[in-house]
Amino acid sequence: MTKPEIEFQAGPAPTELVIKDIVEGSGQEAVPGGTVEVHYVGVEFDTGAEFDSSWTRGESITFPLRGLIQGWQDGIPGMKVGGRRQLTIPPELAYGPAGGGHQLSGKTLVFVIDLLNAN
């Protein structure tokens, strides 16, 4: 797979997690609290500006879901290895309301995630 292009979404930001499968995987399924290996790109919903990308760093990343923002904990389980999924995550499920101390606090975030491994 190659680095995804995230299409700008018109209209108001969603207030709940939006899960959209771009490619259905056929491998092992990610489970709540499991460990996943992913490639991902993250952009701000409002501007489309990229703030993080494992593709740009040139390597995938492996981590336990329980250590991630709630939108990933809720949005990755059920995804299968080989799949590509887009998550649109409101601030409450990301880095909290504006003024929360994180540079992304108060922002709706869009991630496109490729699931490479799950256990």
PDB file of N, CA and C in Angstrom:
ATOM      1  N   MET A   1       0.847  -1.193   0.000  1.00  0.00           N
ATOM      2  CA  MET A   1       0.000   0.000   0.000  1.00  0.00           C
ATOM      3  C   MET A   1       0.880   1.241   0.000  1.00  0.00           C
ATOM      4  N   THR A   2       0.301   2.327  -0.448  1.00  0.00           N
ATOM      5  CA  THR A   2       1.011   3.593  -0.455  1.00  0.00           C
ATOM      6  C   THR A   2       0.312   4.558   0.486  1.00  0.00           C
ATOM      7  N   LYS A   3       1.006   5.641   0.806  1.00  0.00           N
ATOM      8  CA  LYS A   3       0.441   6.638   1.716  1.00  0.00           C
ATOM      9  C   LYS A   3      -0.894   7.138   1.172  1.00  0.00           C
ATOM     10  N   PRO A   4      -1.922   7.130   2.017  1.00  0.00           N
ATOM     11  CA  PRO A   4      -3.238   7.575   1.557  1.00  0.00           C
ATOM     12  C   PRO A   4      -3.330   9.092   1.439  1.00  0.00           C
ATOM     13  N   GLU A   5      -4.186   9.528   0.564  1.00  0.00           N
ATOM     14  CA  GLU A   5      -4.559  10.934   0.480  1.00  0.00           C
ATOM     15  C   GLU A   5      -5.878  11.053   1.234  1.00  0.00           C
ATOM     16  N   ILE A   6      -5.959  11.983   2.147  1.00  0.00           N
ATOM     17  CA  ILE A   6      -7.197  12.167   2.902  1.00  0.00           C
ATOM     18  C   ILE A   6      -7.983  13.289   2.248  1.00  0.00           C
ATOM     19  N   GLU A   7      -9.184  12.954   1.795  1.00  0.00           N
ATOM     20  CA  GLU A   7     -10.022  13.945   1.124  1.00  0.00           C
ATOM     21  C   GLU A   7     -10.618  14.894   2.146  1.00  0.00           C
ATOM     22  N   PHE A   8     -10.631  16.183   1.798  1.00  0.00           N
ATOM     23  CA  PHE A   8     -11.229  17.195   2.665  1.00  0.00           C
ATOM     24  C   PHE A   8     -12.723  16.922   2.768  1.00  0.00           C
ATOM     25  N   GLN A   9     -13.240  16.973   3.999  1.00  0.00           N
ATOM     26  CA  GLN A   9     -14.666  16.731   4.221  1.00  0.00           C
ATOM     27  C   GLN A   9     -15.374  18.065   4.422  1.00  0.00           C
ATOM     28  N   ALA A  10     -16.360  18.344   3.582  1.00  0.00           N
ATOM     29  CA  ALA A  10     -17.122  19.581   3.707  1.00  0.00           C
ATOM     30  C   ALA A  10     -18.152  19.441   4.824  1.00  0.00           C
ATOM     31  N   GLY A  11     -18.637  20.577   5.268  1.00  0.00           N
ATOM     32  CA  GLY A  11     -19.691  20.561   6.278  1.00  0.00           C
ATOM     33  C   GLY A  11     -19.138  20.603   7.687  1.00  0.00           C
ATOM     34  N   PRO A  12     -20.053  20.605   8.655  1.00  0.00           N
ATOM     35  CA  PRO A  12     -19.622  20.683  10.054  1.00  0.00           C
ATOM     36  C   PRO A  12     -18.953  19.386  10.508  1.00  0.00           C
ATOM     37  N   ALA A  13     -18.071  19.517  11.468  1.00  0.00           N
ATOM     38  CA  ALA A  13     -17.396  18.340  12.018  1.00  0.00           C
ATOM     39  C   ALA A  13     -18.406  17.471  12.755  1.00  0.00           C
ATOM     40  N   PRO A  14     -18.290  16.149  12.634  1.00  0.00           N
ATOM     41  CA  PRO A  14     -19.207  15.262  13.354  1.00  0.00           C
ATOM     42  C   PRO A  14     -18.964  15.357  14.855  1.00  0.00           C
ATOM     43  N   THR A  15     -19.997  15.083  15.633  1.00  0.00           N
ATOM     44  CA  THR A  15     -19.872  15.123  17.091  1.00  0.00           C
ATOM     45  C   THR A  15     -19.649  13.739  17.671  1.00  0.00           C
ATOM     46  N   GLU A  16     -19.725  12.719  16.831  1.00  0.00           N
ATOM     47  CA  GLU A  16     -19.470  11.347  17.261  1.00  0.00           C
ATOM     48  C   GLU A  16     -18.436  10.722  16.338  1.00  0.00           C
ATOM     49  N   LEU A  17     -17.827   9.638  16.806  1.00  0.00           N
ATOM     50  CA  LEU A  17     -16.841   8.910  16.014  1.00  0.00           C
ATOM     51  C   LEU A  17     -17.483   8.403  14.722  1.00  0.00           C
ATOM     52  N   VAL A  18     -16.814   8.660  13.594  1.00  0.00           N
ATOM     53  CA  VAL A  18     -17.275   8.161  12.297  1.00  0.00           C
ATOM     54  C   VAL A  18     -16.231   7.180  11.775  1.00  0.00           C
ATOM     55  N   ILE A  19     -16.682   5.946  11.510  1.00  0.00           N
ATOM     56  CA  ILE A  19     -15.805   4.883  11.022  1.00  0.00           C
ATOM     57  C   ILE A  19     -16.177   4.568   9.580  1.00  0.00           C
ATOM     58  N   LYS A  20     -15.185   4.623   8.684  1.00  0.00           N
ATOM     59  CA  LYS A  20     -15.450   4.337   7.273  1.00  0.00           C
ATOM     60  C   LYS A  20     -14.360   3.398   6.760  1.00  0.00           C
ATOM     61  N   ASP A  21     -14.734   2.210   6.363  1.00  0.00           N
ATOM     62  CA  ASP A  21     -13.765   1.281   5.792  1.00  0.00           C
ATOM     63  C   ASP A  21     -13.528   1.640   4.337  1.00  0.00           C
ATOM     64  N   ILE A  22     -12.260   1.859   3.998  1.00  0.00           N
ATOM     65  CA  ILE A  22     -11.864   2.179   2.629  1.00  0.00           C
ATOM     66  C   ILE A  22     -11.494   0.883   1.917  1.00  0.00           C
ATOM     67  N   VAL A  23     -10.761   0.023   2.622  1.00  0.00           N
ATOM     68  CA  VAL A  23     -10.411  -1.312   2.130  1.00  0.00           C
ATOM     69  C   VAL A  23     -10.719  -2.299   3.243  1.00  0.00           C
ATOM     70  N   GLU A  24     -11.483  -3.343   2.918  1.00  0.00           N
ATOM     71  CA  GLU A  24     -11.777  -4.389   3.893  1.00  0.00           C
ATOM     72  C   GLU A  24     -10.595  -5.354   3.950  1.00  0.00           C
ATOM     73  N   GLY A  25     -10.085  -5.593   5.141  1.00  0.00           N
ATOM     74  CA  GLY A  25      -9.014  -6.558   5.303  1.00  0.00           C
ATOM     75  C   GLY A  25      -9.564  -7.969   5.385  1.00  0.00           C
ATOM     76  N   SER A  26      -8.680  -8.943   5.280  1.00  0.00           N
ATOM     77  CA  SER A  26      -9.117 -10.337   5.346  1.00  0.00           C
ATOM     78  C   SER A  26      -8.293 -11.132   6.359  1.00  0.00           C
ATOM     79  N   GLY A  27      -7.404 -10.468   7.067  1.00  0.00           N
ATOM     80  CA  GLY A  27      -6.535 -11.156   8.022  1.00  0.00           C
ATOM     81  C   GLY A  27      -7.095 -11.158   9.430  1.00  0.00           C
ATOM     82  N   GLN A  28      -6.180 -11.300  10.387  1.00  0.00           N
ATOM     83  CA  GLN A  28      -6.533 -11.319  11.806  1.00  0.00           C
ATOM     84  C   GLN A  28      -7.290 -10.046  12.176  1.00  0.00           C
ATOM     85  N   GLU A  29      -8.267 -10.186  13.074  1.00  0.00           N
ATOM     86  CA  GLU A  29      -9.078  -9.045  13.485  1.00  0.00           C
ATOM     87  C   GLU A  29      -8.498  -8.381  14.729  1.00  0.00           C
ATOM     88  N   ALA A  30      -8.467  -7.060  14.720  1.00  0.00           N
ATOM     89  CA  ALA A  30      -8.034  -6.303  15.896  1.00  0.00           C
ATOM     90  C   ALA A  30      -9.109  -6.399  16.975  1.00  0.00           C
ATOM     91  N   VAL A  31      -8.675  -6.580  18.216  1.00  0.00           N
ATOM     92  CA  VAL A  31      -9.616  -6.727  19.331  1.00  0.00           C
ATOM     93  C   VAL A  31      -9.383  -5.608  20.338  1.00  0.00           C
ATOM     94  N   PRO A  32     -10.434  -5.242  21.101  1.00  0.00           N
ATOM     95  CA  PRO A  32     -10.268  -4.209  22.122  1.00  0.00           C
ATOM     96  C   PRO A  32      -9.142  -4.592  23.088  1.00  0.00           C
ATOM     97  N   GLY A  33      -8.258  -3.646  23.369  1.00  0.00           N
ATOM     98  CA  GLY A  33      -7.161  -3.894  24.289  1.00  0.00           C
ATOM     99  C   GLY A  33      -6.002  -4.670  23.690  1.00  0.00           C
ATOM    100  N   GLY A  34      -6.115  -5.054  22.410  1.00  0.00           N
ATOM    101  CA  GLY A  34      -5.054  -5.800  21.750  1.00  0.00           C
ATOM    102  C   GLY A  34      -3.908  -4.887  21.336  1.00  0.00           C
ATOM    103  N   THR A  35      -2.909  -5.487  20.702  1.00  0.00           N
ATOM    104  CA  THR A  35      -1.772  -4.728  20.180  1.00  0.00           C
ATOM    105  C   THR A  35      -1.872  -4.719  18.666  1.00  0.00           C
ATOM    106  N   VAL A  36      -1.614  -3.550  18.080  1.00  0.00           N
ATOM    107  CA  VAL A  36      -1.730  -3.410  16.629  1.00  0.00           C
ATOM    108  C   VAL A  36      -0.457  -2.815  16.044  1.00  0.00           C
ATOM    109  N   GLU A  37      -0.180  -3.208  14.797  1.00  0.00           N
ATOM    110  CA  GLU A  37       0.867  -2.563  14.005  1.00  0.00           C
ATOM    111  C   GLU A  37       0.166  -1.837  12.875  1.00  0.00           C
ATOM    112  N   VAL A  38       0.436  -0.544  12.756  1.00  0.00           N
ATOM    113  CA  VAL A  38      -0.287   0.274  11.781  1.00  0.00           C
ATOM    114  C   VAL A  38       0.651   1.222  11.045  1.00  0.00           C
ATOM    115  N   HIS A  39       0.175   1.642   9.880  1.00  0.00           N
ATOM    116  CA  HIS A  39       0.683   2.830   9.201  1.00  0.00           C
ATOM    117  C   HIS A  39      -0.504   3.783   9.223  1.00  0.00           C
ATOM    118  N   TYR A  40      -0.253   5.062   9.425  1.00  0.00           N
ATOM    119  CA  TYR A  40      -1.381   5.999   9.518  1.00  0.00           C
ATOM    120  C   TYR A  40      -0.976   7.402   9.096  1.00  0.00           C
ATOM    121  N   VAL A  41      -1.996   8.180   8.752  1.00  0.00           N
ATOM    122  CA  VAL A  41      -1.860   9.608   8.488  1.00  0.00           C
ATOM    123  C   VAL A  41      -2.954  10.295   9.287  1.00  0.00           C
ATOM    124  N   GLY A  42      -2.597  11.394   9.944  1.00  0.00           N
ATOM    125  CA  GLY A  42      -3.585  12.175  10.678  1.00  0.00           C
ATOM    126  C   GLY A  42      -3.619  13.603  10.181  1.00  0.00           C
ATOM    127  N   VAL A  43      -4.837  14.116   9.960  1.00  0.00           N
ATOM    128  CA  VAL A  43      -5.015  15.512   9.544  1.00  0.00           C
ATOM    129  C   VAL A  43      -6.081  16.165  10.417  1.00  0.00           C
ATOM    130  N   GLU A  44      -6.046  17.492  10.468  1.00  0.00           N
ATOM    131  CA  GLU A  44      -7.085  18.239  11.158  1.00  0.00           C
ATOM    132  C   GLU A  44      -8.308  18.319  10.251  1.00  0.00           C
ATOM    133  N   PHE A  45      -9.482  18.072  10.829  1.00  0.00           N
ATOM    134  CA  PHE A  45     -10.731  18.086  10.054  1.00  0.00           C
ATOM    135  C   PHE A  45     -10.948  19.456   9.403  1.00  0.00           C
ATOM    136  N   ASP A  46     -10.744  20.536  10.180  1.00  0.00           N
ATOM    137  CA  ASP A  46     -11.088  21.874   9.705  1.00  0.00           C
ATOM    138  C   ASP A  46     -10.201  22.362   8.573  1.00  0.00           C
ATOM    139  N   THR A  47      -8.913  22.035   8.643  1.00  0.00           N
ATOM    140  CA  THR A  47      -7.966  22.600   7.679  1.00  0.00           C
ATOM    141  C   THR A  47      -7.422  21.582   6.687  1.00  0.00           C
ATOM    142  N   GLY A  48      -7.498  20.303   7.044  1.00  0.00           N
ATOM    143  CA  GLY A  48      -6.907  19.271   6.214  1.00  0.00           C
ATOM    144  C   GLY A  48      -5.390  19.195   6.374  1.00  0.00           C
ATOM    145  N   ALA A  49      -4.837  19.983   7.324  1.00  0.00           N
ATOM    146  CA  ALA A  49      -3.388  20.008   7.531  1.00  0.00           C
ATOM    147  C   ALA A  49      -2.934  18.730   8.239  1.00  0.00           C
ATOM    148  N   GLU A  50      -1.902  18.104   7.679  1.00  0.00           N
ATOM    149  CA  GLU A  50      -1.353  16.886   8.275  1.00  0.00           C
ATOM    150  C   GLU A  50      -0.580  17.239   9.539  1.00  0.00           C
ATOM    151  N   PHE A  51      -0.840  16.509  10.636  1.00  0.00           N
ATOM    152  CA  PHE A  51      -0.093  16.746  11.870  1.00  0.00           C
ATOM    153  C   PHE A  51       0.769  15.556  12.265  1.00  0.00           C
ATOM    154  N   ASP A  52       0.510  14.391  11.685  1.00  0.00           N
ATOM    155  CA  ASP A  52       1.310  13.215  12.022  1.00  0.00           C
ATOM    156  C   ASP A  52       1.152  12.172  10.918  1.00  0.00           C
ATOM    157  N   SER A  53       2.240  11.417  10.684  1.00  0.00           N
ATOM    158  CA  SER A  53       2.179  10.369   9.679  1.00  0.00           C
ATOM    159  C   SER A  53       3.326   9.396   9.873  1.00  0.00           C
ATOM    160  N   SER A  54       2.981   8.130  10.067  1.00  0.00           N
ATOM    161  CA  SER A  54       4.032   7.111  10.133  1.00  0.00           C
ATOM    162  C   SER A  54       4.674   6.941   8.755  1.00  0.00           C
ATOM    163  N   TRP A  55       3.915   7.216   7.693  1.00  0.00           N
ATOM    164  CA  TRP A  55       4.444   7.117   6.329  1.00  0.00           C
ATOM    165  C   TRP A  55       5.608   8.085   6.142  1.00  0.00           C
ATOM    166  N   THR A  56       5.446   9.312   6.664  1.00  0.00           N
ATOM    167  CA  THR A  56       6.484  10.329   6.523  1.00  0.00           C
ATOM    168  C   THR A  56       7.749   9.903   7.263  1.00  0.00           C
ATOM    169  N   ARG A  57       7.578   9.241   8.403  1.00  0.00           N
ATOM    170  CA  ARG A  57       8.730   8.762   9.168  1.00  0.00           C
ATOM    171  C   ARG A  57       9.346   7.517   8.538  1.00  0.00           C
ATOM    172  N   GLY A  58       8.608   6.878   7.622  1.00  0.00           N
ATOM    173  CA  GLY A  58       9.158   5.749   6.884  1.00  0.00           C
ATOM    174  C   GLY A  58       9.091   4.422   7.602  1.00  0.00           C
ATOM    175  N   GLU A  59       8.309   4.340   8.693  1.00  0.00           N
ATOM    176  CA  GLU A  59       8.155   3.052   9.366  1.00  0.00           C
ATOM    177  C   GLU A  59       6.824   2.974  10.083  1.00  0.00           C
ATOM    178  N   SER A  60       6.301   1.758  10.121  1.00  0.00           N
ATOM    179  CA  SER A  60       5.050   1.528  10.832  1.00  0.00           C
ATOM    180  C   SER A  60       5.322   1.611  12.330  1.00  0.00           C
ATOM    181  N   ILE A  61       4.244   1.587  13.108  1.00  0.00           N
ATOM    182  CA  ILE A  61       4.377   1.667  14.557  1.00  0.00           C
ATOM    183  C   ILE A  61       3.487   0.597  15.188  1.00  0.00           C
ATOM    184  N   THR A  62       3.977   0.009  16.265  1.00  0.00           N
ATOM    185  CA  THR A  62       3.238  -1.028  16.985  1.00  0.00           C
ATOM    186  C   THR A  62       2.966  -0.537  18.392  1.00  0.00           C
ATOM    187  N   PHE A  63       1.712  -0.679  18.857  1.00  0.00           N
ATOM    188  CA  PHE A  63       1.399  -0.265  20.228  1.00  0.00           C
ATOM    189  C   PHE A  63       0.114  -0.922  20.713  1.00  0.00           C
ATOM    190  N   PRO A  64      -0.056  -0.992  22.049  1.00  0.00           N
ATOM    191  CA  PRO A  64      -1.296  -1.506  22.617  1.00  0.00           C
ATOM    192  C   PRO A  64      -2.403  -0.470  22.467  1.00  0.00           C
ATOM    193  N   LEU A  65      -3.581  -0.906  22.069  1.00  0.00           N
ATOM    194  CA  LEU A  65      -4.707   0.011  21.881  1.00  0.00           C
ATOM    195  C   LEU A  65      -5.045   0.773  23.151  1.00  0.00           C
ATOM    196  N   ARG A  66      -4.917   0.130  24.302  1.00  0.00           N
ATOM    197  CA  ARG A  66      -5.351   0.780  25.545  1.00  0.00           C
ATOM    198  C   ARG A  66      -4.551   2.039  25.857  1.00  0.00           C
ATOM    199  N   GLY A  67      -3.388   2.219  25.209  1.00  0.00           N
ATOM    200  CA  GLY A  67      -2.588   3.409  25.453  1.00  0.00           C
ATOM    201  C   GLY A  67      -2.906   4.563  24.523  1.00  0.00           C
ATOM    202  N   LEU A  68      -3.891   4.391  23.656  1.00  0.00           N
ATOM    203  CA  LEU A  68      -4.174   5.381  22.617  1.00  0.00           C
ATOM    204  C   LEU A  68      -5.392   6.227  22.941  1.00  0.00           C
ATOM    205  N   ILE A  69      -5.605   7.261  22.131  1.00  0.00           N
ATOM    206  CA  ILE A  69      -6.801   8.081  22.309  1.00  0.00           C
ATOM    207  C   ILE A  69      -8.049   7.213  22.149  1.00  0.00           C
ATOM    208  N   GLN A  70      -9.127   7.625  22.792  1.00  0.00           N
ATOM    209  CA  GLN A  70     -10.357   6.832  22.817  1.00  0.00           C
ATOM    210  C   GLN A  70     -10.894   6.538  21.424  1.00  0.00           C
ATOM    211  N   GLY A  71     -10.747   7.491  20.510  1.00  0.00           N
ATOM    212  CA  GLY A  71     -11.241   7.281  19.139  1.00  0.00           C
ATOM    213  C   GLY A  71     -10.576   6.102  18.459  1.00  0.00           C
ATOM    214  N   TRP A  72      -9.281   5.862  18.752  1.00  0.00           N
ATOM    215  CA  TRP A  72      -8.582   4.687  18.198  1.00  0.00           C
ATOM    216  C   TRP A  72      -9.027   3.436  18.939  1.00  0.00           C
ATOM    217  N   GLN A  73      -9.174   3.535  20.267  1.00  0.00           N
ATOM    218  CA  GLN A  73      -9.610   2.367  21.043  1.00  0.00           C
ATOM    219  C   GLN A  73     -10.986   1.888  20.592  1.00  0.00           C
ATOM    220  N   ASP A  74     -11.840   2.827  20.210  1.00  0.00           N
ATOM    221  CA  ASP A  74     -13.194   2.490  19.765  1.00  0.00           C
ATOM    222  C   ASP A  74     -13.255   2.157  18.277  1.00  0.00           C
ATOM    223  N   GLY A  75     -12.349   2.764  17.479  1.00  0.00           N
ATOM    224  CA  GLY A  75     -12.474   2.683  16.025  1.00  0.00           C
ATOM    225  C   GLY A  75     -11.665   1.598  15.334  1.00  0.00           C
ATOM    226  N   ILE A  76     -10.661   1.046  16.013  1.00  0.00           N
ATOM    227  CA  ILE A  76      -9.833   0.025  15.375  1.00  0.00           C
ATOM    228  C   ILE A  76     -10.340  -1.399  15.588  1.00  0.00           C
ATOM    229  N   PRO A  77     -10.839  -1.754  16.787  1.00  0.00           N
ATOM    230  CA  PRO A  77     -11.346  -3.125  16.956  1.00  0.00           C
ATOM    231  C   PRO A  77     -12.393  -3.479  15.896  1.00  0.00           C
ATOM    232  N   GLY A  78     -12.297  -4.710  15.405  1.00  0.00           N
ATOM    233  CA  GLY A  78     -13.192  -5.164  14.334  1.00  0.00           C
ATOM    234  C   GLY A  78     -12.558  -5.015  12.963  1.00  0.00           C
ATOM    235  N   MET A  79     -11.518  -4.199  12.881  1.00  0.00           N
ATOM    236  CA  MET A  79     -10.776  -4.042  11.629  1.00  0.00           C
ATOM    237  C   MET A  79      -9.902  -5.268  11.433  1.00  0.00           C
ATOM    238  N   LYS A  80      -9.709  -5.674  10.185  1.00  0.00           N
ATOM    239  CA  LYS A  80      -8.895  -6.854   9.893  1.00  0.00           C
ATOM    240  C   LYS A  80      -7.599  -6.460   9.198  1.00  0.00           C
ATOM    241  N   VAL A  81      -6.541  -7.236   9.465  1.00  0.00           N
ATOM    242  CA  VAL A  81      -5.241  -6.993   8.847  1.00  0.00           C
ATOM    243  C   VAL A  81      -5.401  -6.940   7.326  1.00  0.00           C
ATOM    244  N   GLY A  82      -4.736  -5.961   6.727  1.00  0.00           N
ATOM    245  CA  GLY A  82      -4.856  -5.727   5.293  1.00  0.00           C
ATOM    246  C   GLY A  82      -5.864  -4.646   4.976  1.00  0.00           C
ATOM    247  N   GLY A  83      -6.600  -4.206   5.992  1.00  0.00           N
ATOM    248  CA  GLY A  83      -7.620  -3.188   5.788  1.00  0.00           C
ATOM    249  C   GLY A  83      -7.092  -1.779   5.943  1.00  0.00           C
ATOM    250  N   ARG A  84      -7.846  -0.841   5.366  1.00  0.00           N
ATOM    251  CA  ARG A  84      -7.583   0.593   5.507  1.00  0.00           C
ATOM    252  C   ARG A  84      -8.884   1.226   5.973  1.00  0.00           C
ATOM    253  N   ARG A  85      -8.813   1.963   7.077  1.00  0.00           N
ATOM    254  CA  ARG A  85     -10.012   2.537   7.676  1.00  0.00           C
ATOM    255  C   ARG A  85      -9.777   4.009   7.971  1.00  0.00           C
ATOM    256  N   GLN A  86     -10.807   4.795   7.741  1.00  0.00           N
ATOM    257  CA  GLN A  86     -10.767   6.216   8.089  1.00  0.00           C
ATOM    258  C   GLN A  86     -11.580   6.443   9.349  1.00  0.00           C
ATOM    259  N   LEU A  87     -10.978   7.118  10.325  1.00  0.00           N
ATOM    260  CA  LEU A  87     -11.657   7.492  11.559  1.00  0.00           C
ATOM    261  C   LEU A  87     -11.733   9.009  11.626  1.00  0.00           C
ATOM    262  N   THR A  88     -12.933   9.543  11.822  1.00  0.00           N
ATOM    263  CA  THR A  88     -13.111  10.969  12.070  1.00  0.00           C
ATOM    264  C   THR A  88     -13.497  11.081  13.542  1.00  0.00           C
ATOM    265  N   ILE A  89     -12.637  11.733  14.318  1.00  0.00           N
ATOM    266  CA  ILE A  89     -12.708  11.666  15.774  1.00  0.00           C
ATOM    267  C   ILE A  89     -12.945  13.051  16.370  1.00  0.00           C
ATOM    268  N   PRO A  90     -14.080  13.242  17.087  1.00  0.00           N
ATOM    269  CA  PRO A  90     -14.334  14.532  17.731  1.00  0.00           C
ATOM    270  C   PRO A  90     -13.387  14.739  18.911  1.00  0.00           C
ATOM    271  N   PRO A  91     -13.220  15.994  19.365  1.00  0.00           N
ATOM    272  CA  PRO A  91     -12.269  16.295  20.438  1.00  0.00           C
ATOM    273  C   PRO A  91     -12.456  15.446  21.692  1.00  0.00           C
ATOM    274  N   GLU A  92     -13.706  15.140  22.045  1.00  0.00           N
ATOM    275  CA  GLU A  92     -13.980  14.380  23.263  1.00  0.00           C
ATOM    276  C   GLU A  92     -13.353  12.988  23.237  1.00  0.00           C
ATOM    277  N   LEU A  93     -13.135  12.446  22.032  1.00  0.00           N
ATOM    278  CA  LEU A  93     -12.546  11.116  21.894  1.00  0.00           C
ATOM    279  C   LEU A  93     -11.095  11.196  21.425  1.00  0.00           C
ATOM    280  N   ALA A  94     -10.573  12.440  21.359  1.00  0.00           N
ATOM    281  CA  ALA A  94      -9.181  12.635  20.928  1.00  0.00           C
ATOM    282  C   ALA A  94      -8.394  13.251  22.085  1.00  0.00           C
ATOM    283  N   TYR A  95      -8.116  14.553  21.983  1.00  0.00           N
ATOM    284  CA  TYR A  95      -7.267  15.202  22.990  1.00  0.00           C
ATOM    285  C   TYR A  95      -8.026  16.186  23.860  1.00  0.00           C
ATOM    286  N   GLY A  96      -9.363  16.038  23.926  1.00  0.00           N
ATOM    287  CA  GLY A  96     -10.167  16.845  24.834  1.00  0.00           C
ATOM    288  C   GLY A  96     -10.491  18.224  24.286  1.00  0.00           C
ATOM    289  N   PRO A  97     -11.220  18.998  25.094  1.00  0.00           N
ATOM    290  CA  PRO A  97     -11.675  20.314  24.657  1.00  0.00           C
ATOM    291  C   PRO A  97     -10.532  21.299  24.480  1.00  0.00           C
ATOM    292  N   ALA A  98     -10.820  22.377  23.767  1.00  0.00           N
ATOM    293  CA  ALA A  98      -9.833  23.431  23.564  1.00  0.00           C
ATOM    294  C   ALA A  98      -9.302  23.899  24.913  1.00  0.00           C
ATOM    295  N   GLY A  99      -8.008  24.199  24.965  1.00  0.00           N
ATOM    296  CA  GLY A  99      -7.406  24.637  26.213  1.00  0.00           C
ATOM    297  C   GLY A  99      -6.938  23.479  27.075  1.00  0.00           C
ATOM    298  N   GLY A 100      -6.989  22.261  26.524  1.00  0.00           N
ATOM    299  CA  GLY A 100      -6.631  21.075  27.291  1.00  0.00           C
ATOM    300  C   GLY A 100      -5.138  20.845  27.434  1.00  0.00           C
ATOM    301  N   GLY A 101      -4.330  21.702  26.859  1.00  0.00           N
ATOM    302  CA  GLY A 101      -2.897  21.584  27.054  1.00  0.00           C
ATOM    303  C   GLY A 101      -2.158  20.846  25.946  1.00  0.00           C
ATOM    304  N   HIS A 102      -2.893  20.183  25.056  1.00  0.00           N
ATOM    305  CA  HIS A 102      -2.272  19.498  23.926  1.00  0.00           C
ATOM    306  C   HIS A 102      -2.488  20.365  22.696  1.00  0.00           C
ATOM    307  N   GLN A 103      -1.535  20.346  21.758  1.00  0.00           N
ATOM    308  CA  GLN A 103      -1.673  21.187  20.556  1.00  0.00           C
ATOM    309  C   GLN A 103      -2.910  20.828  19.745  1.00  0.00           C
ATOM    310  N   LEU A 104      -3.437  19.606  19.920  1.00  0.00           N
ATOM    311  CA  LEU A 104      -4.618  19.177  19.165  1.00  0.00           C
ATOM    312  C   LEU A 104      -5.902  19.226  20.004  1.00  0.00           C
ATOM    313  N   SER A 105      -5.823  19.752  21.227  1.00  0.00           N
ATOM    314  CA  SER A 105      -7.024  19.889  22.055  1.00  0.00           C
ATOM    315  C   SER A 105      -8.050  20.751  21.326  1.00  0.00           C
ATOM    316  N   GLY A 106      -9.306  20.322  21.393  1.00  0.00           N
ATOM    317  CA  GLY A 106     -10.388  21.083  20.774  1.00  0.00           C
ATOM    318  C   GLY A 106     -10.563  20.826  19.295  1.00  0.00           C
ATOM    319  N   LYS A 107      -9.719  19.978  18.711  1.00  0.00           N
ATOM    320  CA  LYS A 107      -9.786  19.745  17.268  1.00  0.00           C
ATOM    321  C   LYS A 107     -10.398  18.381  16.937  1.00  0.00           C
ATOM    322  N   THR A 108     -11.193  18.360  15.867  1.00  0.00           N
ATOM    323  CA  THR A 108     -11.670  17.111  15.298  1.00  0.00           C
ATOM    324  C   THR A 108     -10.563  16.602  14.382  1.00  0.00           C
ATOM    325  N   LEU A 109     -10.235  15.314  14.529  1.00  0.00           N
ATOM    326  CA  LEU A 109      -9.113  14.733  13.809  1.00  0.00           C
ATOM    327  C   LEU A 109      -9.589  13.657  12.839  1.00  0.00           C
ATOM    328  N   VAL A 110      -8.896  13.534  11.717  1.00  0.00           N
ATOM    329  CA  VAL A 110      -9.190  12.492  10.736  1.00  0.00           C
ATOM    330  C   VAL A 110      -7.927  11.661  10.550  1.00  0.00           C
ATOM    331  N   PHE A 111      -8.053  10.355  10.754  1.00  0.00           N
ATOM    332  CA  PHE A 111      -6.941   9.433  10.540  1.00  0.00           C
ATOM    333  C   PHE A 111      -7.323   8.429   9.468  1.00  0.00           C
ATOM    334  N   VAL A 112      -6.361   8.082   8.611  1.00  0.00           N
ATOM    335  CA  VAL A 112      -6.510   6.914   7.759  1.00  0.00           C
ATOM    336  C   VAL A 112      -5.462   5.928   8.247  1.00  0.00           C
ATOM    337  N   ILE A 113      -5.948   4.755   8.636  1.00  0.00           N
ATOM    338  CA  ILE A 113      -5.129   3.745   9.295  1.00  0.00           C
ATOM    339  C   ILE A 113      -5.088   2.475   8.458  1.00  0.00           C
ATOM    340  N   ASP A 114      -3.875   1.985   8.208  1.00  0.00           N
ATOM    341  CA  ASP A 114      -3.686   0.686   7.558  1.00  0.00           C
ATOM    342  C   ASP A 114      -3.280  -0.300   8.651  1.00  0.00           C
ATOM    343  N   LEU A 115      -4.046  -1.365   8.809  1.00  0.00           N
ATOM    344  CA  LEU A 115      -3.737  -2.357   9.835  1.00  0.00           C
ATOM    345  C   LEU A 115      -2.809  -3.430   9.229  1.00  0.00           C
ATOM    346  N   LEU A 116      -1.582  -3.483   9.755  1.00  0.00           N
ATOM    347  CA  LEU A 116      -0.564  -4.408   9.237  1.00  0.00           C
ATOM    348  C   LEU A 116      -0.490  -5.702  10.042  1.00  0.00           C
ATOM    349  N   ASN A 117      -0.813  -5.610  11.339  1.00  0.00           N
ATOM    350  CA  ASN A 117      -0.747  -6.786  12.202  1.00  0.00           C
ATOM    351  C   ASN A 117      -1.612  -6.518  13.425  1.00  0.00           C
ATOM    352  N   ALA A 118      -2.165  -7.592  13.992  1.00  0.00           N
ATOM    353  CA  ALA A 118      -2.993  -7.480  15.191  1.00  0.00           C
ATOM    354  C   ALA A 118      -2.822  -8.734  16.023  1.00  0.00           C
ATOM    355  N   ASN A 119      -2.736  -8.551  17.344  1.00  0.00           N
ATOM    356  CA  ASN A 119      -2.720  -9.710  18.244  1.00  0.00           C
ATOM    357  C   ASN A 119      -3.165  -9.304  19.643  1.00  0.00           C
TER     358      ASN A 119
END
